[in-house]
PDB file of all heavy atoms in Angstrom:
ATOM      1  N   GLN A   1      82.748 114.689 105.277  1.00  0.00           N
ATOM      2  CA  GLN A   1      82.609 116.136 105.126  1.00  0.00           C
ATOM      3  C   GLN A   1      82.849 116.922 106.405  1.00  0.00           C
ATOM      4  O   GLN A   1      83.262 118.081 106.382  1.00  0.00           O
ATOM      5  CB  GLN A   1      81.233 116.477 104.568  1.00  0.00           C
ATOM      6  CG  GLN A   1      80.939 115.882 103.209  1.00  0.00           C
ATOM      7  CD  GLN A   1      79.524 116.193 102.751  1.00  0.00           C
ATOM      8  OE1 GLN A   1      78.954 117.252 103.063  1.00  0.00           O
ATOM      9  NE2 GLN A   1      78.938 115.299 101.967  1.00  0.00           N
ATOM     10  N   ILE A   2      82.567 116.297 107.552  1.00  0.00           N
ATOM     11  CA  ILE A   2      82.688 117.032 108.815  1.00  0.00           C
ATOM     12  C   ILE A   2      83.614 116.300 109.802  1.00  0.00           C
ATOM     13  O   ILE A   2      83.472 116.407 111.015  1.00  0.00           O
ATOM     14  CB  ILE A   2      81.328 117.330 109.458  1.00  0.00           C
ATOM     15  CG1 ILE A   2      80.510 116.057 109.668  1.00  0.00           C
ATOM     16  CG2 ILE A   2      80.534 118.292 108.618  1.00  0.00           C
ATOM     17  CD1 ILE A   2      79.201 116.320 110.413  1.00  0.00           C
ATOM     18  N   ASP A   3      84.593 115.605 109.250  1.00  0.00           N
ATOM     19  CA  ASP A   3      85.667 114.966 110.072  1.00  0.00           C
ATOM     20  C   ASP A   3      85.088 114.093 111.179  1.00  0.00           C
ATOM     21  O   ASP A   3      85.409 114.295 112.367  1.00  0.00           O
ATOM     22  CB  ASP A   3      86.575 116.037 110.638  1.00  0.00           C
ATOM     23  CG  ASP A   3      87.528 116.626 109.607  1.00  0.00           C
ATOM     24  OD1 ASP A   3      87.670 116.005 108.541  1.00  0.00           O
ATOM     25  OD2 ASP A   3      88.108 117.690 109.867  1.00  0.00           O
ATOM     26  N   THR A   4      84.256 113.144 110.780  1.00  0.00           N
ATOM     27  CA  THR A   4      83.832 112.117 111.749  1.00  0.00           C
ATOM     28  C   THR A   4      85.004 111.216 112.071  1.00  0.00           C
ATOM     29  O   THR A   4      85.758 110.826 111.198  1.00  0.00           O
ATOM     30  CB  THR A   4      82.682 111.304 111.130  1.00  0.00           C
ATOM     31  OG1 THR A   4      81.602 112.157 110.810  1.00  0.00           O
ATOM     32  CG2 THR A   4      82.220 110.190 112.069  1.00  0.00           C
ATOM     33  N   ASN A   5      85.149 110.884 113.336  1.00  0.00           N
ATOM     34  CA  ASN A   5      86.210 109.961 113.755  1.00  0.00           C
ATOM     35  C   ASN A   5      85.773 108.527 113.462  1.00  0.00           C
ATOM     36  O   ASN A   5      84.768 108.045 113.985  1.00  0.00           O
ATOM     37  CB  ASN A   5      86.484 110.108 115.241  1.00  0.00           C
ATOM     38  CG  ASN A   5      87.132 111.422 115.586  1.00  0.00           C
ATOM     39  OD1 ASN A   5      87.876 112.007 114.798  1.00  0.00           O
ATOM     40  ND2 ASN A   5      86.885 111.920 116.782  1.00  0.00           N
ATOM     41  N   CYS A   6      86.557 107.876 112.593  1.00  0.00           N
ATOM     42  CA  CYS A   6      86.361 106.454 112.311  1.00  0.00           C
ATOM     43  C   CYS A   6      87.434 105.658 113.047  1.00  0.00           C
ATOM     44  O   CYS A   6      88.616 106.047 113.017  1.00  0.00           O
ATOM     45  CB  CYS A   6      86.465 106.222 110.791  1.00  0.00           C
ATOM     46  SG  CYS A   6      86.401 104.505 110.297  1.00  0.00           S
ATOM     47  N   TYR A   7      87.031 104.602 113.713  1.00  0.00           N
ATOM     48  CA  TYR A   7      87.943 103.849 114.553  1.00  0.00           C
ATOM     49  C   TYR A   7      88.128 102.436 114.060  1.00  0.00           C
ATOM     50  O   TYR A   7      87.175 101.812 113.553  1.00  0.00           O
ATOM     51  CB  TYR A   7      87.425 103.829 115.993  1.00  0.00           C
ATOM     52  CG  TYR A   7      87.353 105.189 116.633  1.00  0.00           C
ATOM     53  CD1 TYR A   7      86.144 105.898 116.690  1.00  0.00           C
ATOM     54  CD2 TYR A   7      88.483 105.788 117.185  1.00  0.00           C
ATOM     55  CE1 TYR A   7      86.082 107.150 117.265  1.00  0.00           C
ATOM     56  CE2 TYR A   7      88.437 107.037 117.764  1.00  0.00           C
ATOM     57  CZ  TYR A   7      87.226 107.724 117.811  1.00  0.00           C
ATOM     58  OH  TYR A   7      87.155 108.971 118.367  1.00  0.00           O
ATOM     59  N   LEU A   8      89.325 101.924 114.286  1.00  0.00           N
ATOM     60  CA  LEU A   8      89.616 100.501 114.062  1.00  0.00           C
ATOM     61  C   LEU A   8      90.146  99.923 115.362  1.00  0.00           C
ATOM     62  O   LEU A   8      91.067 100.475 115.963  1.00  0.00           O
ATOM     63  CB  LEU A   8      90.654 100.361 112.952  1.00  0.00           C
ATOM     64  CG  LEU A   8      91.090  98.939 112.595  1.00  0.00           C
ATOM     65  CD1 LEU A   8      91.424  98.817 111.100  1.00  0.00           C
ATOM     66  CD2 LEU A   8      92.289  98.451 113.416  1.00  0.00           C
ATOM     67  N   ALA A   9      89.538  98.853 115.830  1.00  0.00           N
ATOM     68  CA  ALA A   9      90.006  98.127 116.972  1.00  0.00           C
ATOM     69  C   ALA A   9      90.161  96.678 116.585  1.00  0.00           C
ATOM     70  O   ALA A   9      89.269  96.078 115.969  1.00  0.00           O
ATOM     71  CB  ALA A   9      89.020  98.243 118.139  1.00  0.00           C
ATOM     72  N   GLY A  10      91.301  96.052 116.969  1.00  0.00           N
ATOM     73  CA  GLY A  10      91.536  94.689 116.502  1.00  0.00           C
ATOM     74  C   GLY A  10      92.401  93.894 117.423  1.00  0.00           C
ATOM     75  O   GLY A  10      93.090  94.418 118.293  1.00  0.00           O
ATOM     76  N   ASP A  11      92.344  92.601 117.189  1.00  0.00           N
ATOM     77  CA  ASP A  11      93.149  91.624 117.922  1.00  0.00           C
ATOM     78  C   ASP A  11      94.234  91.166 116.959  1.00  0.00           C
ATOM     79  O   ASP A  11      93.951  90.402 115.994  1.00  0.00           O
ATOM     80  CB  ASP A  11      92.263  90.466 118.376  1.00  0.00           C
ATOM     81  CG  ASP A  11      93.027  89.393 119.137  1.00  0.00           C
ATOM     82  OD1 ASP A  11      94.267  89.395 119.054  1.00  0.00           O
ATOM     83  OD2 ASP A  11      92.388  88.537 119.770  1.00  0.00           O
ATOM     84  N   GLU A  12      95.471  91.585 117.206  1.00  0.00           N
ATOM     85  CA  GLU A  12      96.543  91.267 116.294  1.00  0.00           C
ATOM     86  C   GLU A  12      96.806  89.758 116.244  1.00  0.00           C
ATOM     87  O   GLU A  12      97.089  89.214 115.198  1.00  0.00           O
ATOM     88  CB  GLU A  12      97.803  91.992 116.733  1.00  0.00           C
ATOM     89  CG  GLU A  12      98.977  91.844 115.819  1.00  0.00           C
ATOM     90  CD  GLU A  12     100.179  92.676 116.226  1.00  0.00           C
ATOM     91  OE1 GLU A  12     100.257  93.060 117.428  1.00  0.00           O
ATOM     92  OE2 GLU A  12     101.029  92.950 115.369  1.00  0.00           O
ATOM     93  N   LYS A  13      96.690  89.100 117.385  1.00  0.00           N
ATOM     94  CA  LYS A  13      96.966  87.661 117.428  1.00  0.00           C
ATOM     95  C   LYS A  13      95.962  86.876 116.595  1.00  0.00           C
ATOM     96  O   LYS A  13      96.325  85.957 115.875  1.00  0.00           O
ATOM     97  CB  LYS A  13      96.918  87.165 118.872  1.00  0.00           C
ATOM     98  CG  LYS A  13      97.293  85.711 119.031  1.00  0.00           C
ATOM     99  CD  LYS A  13      97.352  85.315 120.531  1.00  0.00           C
ATOM    100  CE  LYS A  13      97.750  83.862 120.679  1.00  0.00           C
ATOM    101  NZ  LYS A  13      97.821  83.477 122.119  1.00  0.00           N
ATOM    102  N   ALA A  14      94.688  87.285 116.643  1.00  0.00           N
ATOM    103  CA  ALA A  14      93.656  86.611 115.856  1.00  0.00           C
ATOM    104  C   ALA A  14      93.577  87.144 114.426  1.00  0.00           C
ATOM    105  O   ALA A  14      92.966  86.507 113.578  1.00  0.00           O
ATOM    106  CB  ALA A  14      92.298  86.783 116.537  1.00  0.00           C
ATOM    107  N   GLY A  15      94.170  88.308 114.188  1.00  0.00           N
ATOM    108  CA  GLY A  15      94.194  88.855 112.832  1.00  0.00           C
ATOM    109  C   GLY A  15      92.878  89.463 112.377  1.00  0.00           C
ATOM    110  O   GLY A  15      92.627  89.563 111.187  1.00  0.00           O
ATOM    111  N   VAL A  16      92.064  89.946 113.354  1.00  0.00           N
ATOM    112  CA  VAL A  16      90.741  90.470 112.984  1.00  0.00           C
ATOM    113  C   VAL A  16      90.540  91.822 113.620  1.00  0.00           C
ATOM    114  O   VAL A  16      91.169  92.187 114.632  1.00  0.00           O
ATOM    115  CB  VAL A  16      89.607  89.520 113.430  1.00  0.00           C
ATOM    116  CG1 VAL A  16      89.724  88.196 112.683  1.00  0.00           C
ATOM    117  CG2 VAL A  16      89.654  89.285 114.935  1.00  0.00           C
ATOM    118  N   CYS A  17      89.596  92.613 113.042  1.00  0.00           N
ATOM    119  CA  CYS A  17      89.306  93.937 113.547  1.00  0.00           C
ATOM    120  C   CYS A  17      87.847  94.285 113.345  1.00  0.00           C
ATOM    121  O   CYS A  17      87.135  93.616 112.572  1.00  0.00           O
ATOM    122  CB  CYS A  17      90.197  94.994 112.893  1.00  0.00           C
ATOM    123  SG  CYS A  17      89.881  95.246 111.141  1.00  0.00           S
ATOM    124  N   ALA A  18      87.432  95.323 114.025  1.00  0.00           N
ATOM    125  CA  ALA A  18      86.114  95.918 113.806  1.00  0.00           C
ATOM    126  C   ALA A  18      86.316  97.395 113.408  1.00  0.00           C
ATOM    127  O   ALA A  18      87.226  98.050 113.932  1.00  0.00           O
ATOM    128  CB  ALA A  18      85.252  95.837 115.075  1.00  0.00           C
ATOM    129  N   VAL A  19      85.486  97.884 112.532  1.00  0.00           N
ATOM    130  CA  VAL A  19      85.535  99.289 112.103  1.00  0.00           C
ATOM    131  C   VAL A  19      84.286  99.973 112.612  1.00  0.00           C
ATOM    132  O   VAL A  19      83.146  99.511 112.373  1.00  0.00           O
ATOM    133  CB  VAL A  19      85.608  99.401 110.562  1.00  0.00           C
ATOM    134  CG1 VAL A  19      85.593 100.851 110.135  1.00  0.00           C
ATOM    135  CG2 VAL A  19      86.854  98.703 110.006  1.00  0.00           C
ATOM    136  N   THR A  20      84.500 101.059 113.342  1.00  0.00           N
ATOM    137  CA  THR A  20      83.365 101.775 113.966  1.00  0.00           C
ATOM    138  C   THR A  20      83.180 103.153 113.296  1.00  0.00           C
ATOM    139  O   THR A  20      84.132 103.915 113.125  1.00  0.00           O
ATOM    140  CB  THR A  20      83.627 101.990 115.460  1.00  0.00           C
ATOM    141  OG1 THR A  20      83.753 100.709 116.092  1.00  0.00           O
ATOM    142  CG2 THR A  20      82.476 102.755 116.100  1.00  0.00           C
ATOM    143  N   ASP A  21      81.948 103.423 112.893  1.00  0.00           N
ATOM    144  CA  ASP A  21      81.529 104.717 112.306  1.00  0.00           C
ATOM    145  C   ASP A  21      82.351 105.117 111.091  1.00  0.00           C
ATOM    146  O   ASP A  21      82.990 106.168 111.046  1.00  0.00           O
ATOM    147  CB  ASP A  21      81.575 105.809 113.380  1.00  0.00           C
ATOM    148  CG  ASP A  21      80.491 105.677 114.399  1.00  0.00           C
ATOM    149  OD1 ASP A  21      79.591 104.853 114.238  1.00  0.00           O
ATOM    150  OD2 ASP A  21      80.552 106.394 115.436  1.00  0.00           O
ATOM    151  N   PRO A  22      82.317 104.275 110.026  1.00  0.00           N
ATOM    152  CA  PRO A  22      82.996 104.670 108.775  1.00  0.00           C
ATOM    153  C   PRO A  22      82.180 105.709 108.027  1.00  0.00           C
ATOM    154  O   PRO A  22      81.432 105.391 107.103  1.00  0.00           O
ATOM    155  CB  PRO A  22      83.088 103.343 108.023  1.00  0.00           C
ATOM    156  CG  PRO A  22      81.906 102.566 108.487  1.00  0.00           C
ATOM    157  CD  PRO A  22      81.673 102.949 109.924  1.00  0.00           C
ATOM    158  N   GLY A  23      82.355 106.948 108.412  1.00  0.00           N
ATOM    159  CA  GLY A  23      81.444 108.023 107.974  1.00  0.00           C
ATOM    160  C   GLY A  23      81.670 108.604 106.602  1.00  0.00           C
ATOM    161  O   GLY A  23      80.902 109.480 106.174  1.00  0.00           O
ATOM    162  N   GLY A  24      82.674 108.203 105.906  1.00  0.00           N
ATOM    163  CA  GLY A  24      82.950 108.729 104.556  1.00  0.00           C
ATOM    164  C   GLY A  24      84.395 108.421 104.191  1.00  0.00           C
ATOM    165  O   GLY A  24      85.065 107.602 104.829  1.00  0.00           O
ATOM    166  N   SER A  25      84.921 109.084 103.133  1.00  0.00           N
ATOM    167  CA  SER A  25      86.303 108.903 102.691  1.00  0.00           C
ATOM    168  C   SER A  25      86.675 107.421 102.605  1.00  0.00           C
ATOM    169  O   SER A  25      87.613 106.955 103.271  1.00  0.00           O
ATOM    170  CB  SER A  25      87.255 109.619 103.642  1.00  0.00           C
ATOM    171  OG  SER A  25      86.904 110.970 103.846  1.00  0.00           O
ATOM    172  N   PRO A  26      85.923 106.635 101.824  1.00  0.00           N
ATOM    173  CA  PRO A  26      86.134 105.197 101.818  1.00  0.00           C
ATOM    174  C   PRO A  26      87.564 104.790 101.529  1.00  0.00           C
ATOM    175  O   PRO A  26      88.075 103.801 102.087  1.00  0.00           O
ATOM    176  CB  PRO A  26      85.179 104.670 100.760  1.00  0.00           C
ATOM    177  CG  PRO A  26      84.764 105.831  99.967  1.00  0.00           C
ATOM    178  CD  PRO A  26      84.843 107.011 100.900  1.00  0.00           C
ATOM    179  N   GLU A  27      88.276 105.540 100.672  1.00  0.00           N
ATOM    180  CA  GLU A  27      89.633 105.164 100.325  1.00  0.00           C
ATOM    181  C   GLU A  27      90.532 105.276 101.582  1.00  0.00           C
ATOM    182  O   GLU A  27      91.463 104.470 101.760  1.00  0.00           O
ATOM    183  CB  GLU A  27      90.174 106.047  99.191  1.00  0.00           C
ATOM    184  CG  GLU A  27      90.422 107.517  99.531  1.00  0.00           C
ATOM    185  CD  GLU A  27      89.151 108.336  99.734  1.00  0.00           C
ATOM    186  OE1 GLU A  27      88.046 107.896  99.335  1.00  0.00           O
ATOM    187  OE2 GLU A  27      89.256 109.442 100.309  1.00  0.00           O
ATOM    188  N   ARG A  28      90.229 106.228 102.448  1.00  0.00           N
ATOM    189  CA  ARG A  28      91.049 106.374 103.672  1.00  0.00           C
ATOM    190  C   ARG A  28      90.721 105.290 104.680  1.00  0.00           C
ATOM    191  O   ARG A  28      91.611 104.777 105.388  1.00  0.00           O
ATOM    192  CB  ARG A  28      90.819 107.759 104.296  1.00  0.00           C
ATOM    193  CG  ARG A  28      91.205 108.919 103.366  1.00  0.00           C
ATOM    194  CD  ARG A  28      91.274 110.227 104.128  1.00  0.00           C
ATOM    195  NE  ARG A  28      92.382 110.159 105.073  1.00  0.00           N
ATOM    196  CZ  ARG A  28      92.329 110.635 106.321  1.00  0.00           C
ATOM    197  NH1 ARG A  28      91.214 111.190 106.793  1.00  0.00           N
ATOM    198  NH2 ARG A  28      93.366 110.559 107.128  1.00  0.00           N
ATOM    199  N   VAL A  29      89.459 104.900 104.756  1.00  0.00           N
ATOM    200  CA  VAL A  29      89.080 103.809 105.629  1.00  0.00           C
ATOM    201  C   VAL A  29      89.722 102.495 105.168  1.00  0.00           C
ATOM    202  O   VAL A  29      90.281 101.740 105.989  1.00  0.00           O
ATOM    203  CB  VAL A  29      87.551 103.663 105.714  1.00  0.00           C
ATOM    204  CG1 VAL A  29      87.154 102.490 106.611  1.00  0.00           C
ATOM    205  CG2 VAL A  29      86.906 104.947 106.223  1.00  0.00           C
ATOM    206  N   LEU A  30      89.671 102.239 103.886  1.00  0.00           N
ATOM    207  CA  LEU A  30      90.283 101.024 103.355  1.00  0.00           C
ATOM    208  C   LEU A  30      91.791 101.027 103.597  1.00  0.00           C
ATOM    209  O   LEU A  30      92.380  99.977 103.916  1.00  0.00           O
ATOM    210  CB  LEU A  30      89.993 100.901 101.861  1.00  0.00           C
ATOM    211  CG  LEU A  30      88.521 100.617 101.510  1.00  0.00           C
ATOM    212  CD1 LEU A  30      88.303 100.772 100.005  1.00  0.00           C
ATOM    213  CD2 LEU A  30      88.102  99.197 101.949  1.00  0.00           C
ATOM    214  N   ALA A  31      92.417 102.209 103.478  1.00  0.00           N
ATOM    215  CA  ALA A  31      93.874 102.277 103.718  1.00  0.00           C
ATOM    216  C   ALA A  31      94.208 102.023 105.177  1.00  0.00           C
ATOM    217  O   ALA A  31      95.218 101.392 105.494  1.00  0.00           O
ATOM    218  CB  ALA A  31      94.380 103.637 103.292  1.00  0.00           C
ATOM    219  N   MET A  32      93.334 102.492 106.105  1.00  0.00           N
ATOM    220  CA  MET A  32      93.576 102.224 107.510  1.00  0.00           C
ATOM    221  C   MET A  32      93.502 100.722 107.822  1.00  0.00           C
ATOM    222  O   MET A  32      94.324 100.192 108.577  1.00  0.00           O
ATOM    223  CB  MET A  32      92.545 102.992 108.358  1.00  0.00           C
ATOM    224  CG  MET A  32      92.695 102.738 109.863  1.00  0.00           C
ATOM    225  SD  MET A  32      91.645 103.802 110.913  1.00  0.00           S
ATOM    226  CE  MET A  32      90.009 103.187 110.451  1.00  0.00           C
ATOM    227  N   ILE A  33      92.528 100.052 107.205  1.00  0.00           N
ATOM    228  CA  ILE A  33      92.410  98.637 107.377  1.00  0.00           C
ATOM    229  C   ILE A  33      93.623  97.887 106.816  1.00  0.00           C
ATOM    230  O   ILE A  33      94.199  96.997 107.471  1.00  0.00           O
ATOM    231  CB  ILE A  33      91.095  98.079 106.752  1.00  0.00           C
ATOM    232  CG1 ILE A  33      89.874  98.725 107.434  1.00  0.00           C
ATOM    233  CG2 ILE A  33      91.033  96.561 106.831  1.00  0.00           C
ATOM    234  CD1 ILE A  33      88.571  98.442 106.712  1.00  0.00           C
ATOM    235  N   GLU A  34      94.041  98.278 105.607  1.00  0.00           N
ATOM    236  CA  GLU A  34      95.167  97.624 104.981  1.00  0.00           C
ATOM    237  C   GLU A  34      96.442  97.841 105.849  1.00  0.00           C
ATOM    238  O   GLU A  34      97.237  96.913 106.028  1.00  0.00           O
ATOM    239  CB  GLU A  34      95.393  98.197 103.570  1.00  0.00           C
ATOM    240  CG  GLU A  34      96.558  97.566 102.849  1.00  0.00           C
ATOM    241  CD  GLU A  34      96.709  98.105 101.426  1.00  0.00           C
ATOM    242  OE1 GLU A  34      95.890  98.938 101.005  1.00  0.00           O
ATOM    243  OE2 GLU A  34      97.652  97.675 100.755  1.00  0.00           O
ATOM    244  N   LYS A  35      96.616  99.040 106.378  1.00  0.00           N
ATOM    245  CA  LYS A  35      97.775  99.345 107.201  1.00  0.00           C
ATOM    246  C   LYS A  35      97.795  98.434 108.446  1.00  0.00           C
ATOM    247  O   LYS A  35      98.877  98.039 108.913  1.00  0.00           O
ATOM    248  CB  LYS A  35      97.734 100.812 107.633  1.00  0.00           C
ATOM    249  CG  LYS A  35      98.796 101.222 108.613  1.00  0.00           C
ATOM    250  CD  LYS A  35      98.575 102.653 109.082  1.00  0.00           C
ATOM    251  CE  LYS A  35      99.514 103.021 110.224  1.00  0.00           C
ATOM    252  NZ  LYS A  35      99.198 104.386 110.764  1.00  0.00           N
ATOM    253  N   SER A  36      96.636  98.133 109.002  1.00  0.00           N
ATOM    254  CA  SER A  36      96.581  97.297 110.205  1.00  0.00           C
ATOM    255  C   SER A  36      97.007  95.862 109.958  1.00  0.00           C
ATOM    256  O   SER A  36      97.433  95.164 110.867  1.00  0.00           O
ATOM    257  CB  SER A  36      95.158  97.311 110.784  1.00  0.00           C
ATOM    258  OG  SER A  36      94.274  96.499 110.041  1.00  0.00           O
ATOM    259  N   GLY A  37      96.828  95.396 108.711  1.00  0.00           N
ATOM    260  CA  GLY A  37      97.112  94.018 108.378  1.00  0.00           C
ATOM    261  C   GLY A  37      96.085  93.043 108.887  1.00  0.00           C
ATOM    262  O   GLY A  37      96.279  91.831 108.828  1.00  0.00           O
TER     263      GLY A  37
END
């Protein structure tokens, strides 16, 4: 609702990531993760 910044940081070689402060808009968060691979 108030544009919280949600972050994805990951290691491409290891194929893993962490998601920080997923404050809402779950479909957008899931899409960001999918985009990262």
